[in-house]
Amino acid sequence: MKKCWVLIAVGLFLSGCQQNVKSSGTAYEEIEVMARSERSVTIRFAEFGRARAESYAADFCAAEGRTASFDGFEKKFGMSDIGTWRCD
């Protein structure tokens, strides 16, 4: 019986350790880069992930020696938004 509880505890522990490979953070902060070029980046972001998406876009454009400016929403994708940032 004790062995059964140990196996259940290990299974719950391991399932709680899984993380989203697209970004680190909670599911509400998740971001995923959909497309990128030297002039723009398109990111899908969850409900509270806009700040992370803006930060990613700013870092991405800064690496190109440019400044990120929000170009607008492409569309609503379920509970997530898809936005594009231009590198000016």
Protein backbone atom coordinates (compact mmCIF):
# COMPACT_ATOMS: atom_id res chain seq x y z
CA MET A 1 0.00 0.00 0.00
CA LYS A 2 2.85 2.36 0.86
CA LYS A 3 4.47 1.66 -2.53
CA CYS A 4 1.23 2.66 -4.25
CA TRP A 5 1.17 6.04 -2.45
CA VAL A 6 4.80 6.64 -3.33
CA LEU A 7 4.09 6.00 -7.01
CA ILE A 8 1.10 8.34 -6.94
CA ALA A 9 3.14 11.06 -5.21
CA VAL A 10 5.98 10.74 -7.74
CA GLY A 11 3.51 10.85 -10.63
CA LEU A 12 1.88 14.02 -9.29
CA PHE A 13 5.26 15.60 -8.67
CA LEU A 14 6.49 14.91 -12.19
CA SER A 15 3.28 16.10 -13.83
CA GLY A 16 3.56 19.37 -11.90
CA CYS A 17 7.08 19.94 -13.23
CA GLN A 18 6.07 20.20 -16.87
CA GLN A 19 6.50 23.62 -18.39
CA ASN A 20 5.43 25.19 -21.62
CA VAL A 21 8.38 25.15 -24.03
CA LYS A 22 7.13 28.28 -25.79
CA SER A 23 7.77 30.54 -22.81
CA SER A 24 8.34 30.33 -19.12
CA GLY A 25 5.63 31.58 -16.78
CA THR A 26 2.05 30.69 -16.12
CA ALA A 27 -0.44 29.76 -18.83
CA TYR A 28 -1.90 33.26 -18.55
CA GLU A 29 1.49 34.81 -19.35
CA GLU A 30 2.39 32.49 -22.22
CA ILE A 31 3.81 33.90 -25.44
CA GLU A 32 4.69 32.21 -28.72
CA VAL A 33 6.58 33.76 -31.61
CA MET A 34 4.53 33.08 -34.73
CA ALA A 35 6.77 34.82 -37.31
CA ARG A 36 9.77 37.10 -37.37
CA SER A 37 11.90 38.93 -39.86
CA GLU A 38 14.47 41.69 -39.55
CA ARG A 39 11.63 44.28 -39.83
CA SER A 40 8.88 42.76 -37.62
CA VAL A 41 7.88 40.09 -35.13
CA THR A 42 4.43 38.53 -34.72
CA ILE A 43 3.63 37.07 -31.31
CA ARG A 44 0.65 35.14 -29.94
CA PHE A 45 0.15 36.05 -26.31
CA ALA A 46 -2.24 34.96 -23.60
CA GLU A 47 -4.49 37.11 -21.46
CA PHE A 48 -1.80 38.57 -19.17
CA GLY A 49 1.13 37.98 -21.53
CA ARG A 50 1.08 41.30 -23.37
CA ALA A 51 3.84 42.79 -21.20
CA ARG A 52 6.03 39.76 -21.89
CA ALA A 53 5.27 40.00 -25.62
CA GLU A 54 6.17 43.70 -25.65
CA SER A 55 9.38 42.97 -23.77
CA TYR A 56 10.29 40.20 -26.22
CA ALA A 57 9.56 42.46 -29.21
CA ALA A 58 11.65 45.29 -27.71
CA ASP A 59 14.59 42.93 -27.11
CA PHE A 60 14.24 41.40 -30.57
CA CYS A 61 14.25 44.79 -32.32
CA ALA A 62 17.05 46.10 -30.10
CA ALA A 63 19.22 43.20 -31.27
CA GLU A 64 18.69 44.53 -34.80
CA GLY A 65 19.55 48.07 -33.65
CA ARG A 66 15.94 49.24 -34.00
CA THR A 67 13.01 50.27 -31.80
CA ALA A 68 9.83 48.19 -31.51
CA SER A 69 6.48 49.83 -32.25
CA PHE A 70 3.15 48.04 -31.97
CA ASP A 71 1.56 47.59 -35.41
CA GLY A 72 -1.75 46.19 -34.19
CA PHE A 73 -3.65 42.98 -33.68
CA GLU A 74 -3.81 40.41 -36.43
CA LYS A 75 -6.78 38.60 -34.90
CA LYS A 76 -8.17 37.08 -31.77
CA PHE A 77 -7.12 33.43 -31.43
CA GLY A 78 -9.34 31.76 -28.82
CA MET A 79 -8.31 33.21 -25.47
CA SER A 80 -5.11 34.61 -26.97
CA ASP A 81 -4.33 37.63 -29.11
CA ILE A 82 -1.91 37.78 -32.02
CA GLY A 83 -0.06 41.06 -32.40
CA THR A 84 2.68 42.40 -34.64
CA TRP A 85 5.49 44.76 -33.69
CA ARG A 86 7.49 46.64 -36.33
CA CYS A 87 11.20 47.27 -35.89
CA ASP A 88 11.68 50.93 -36.87
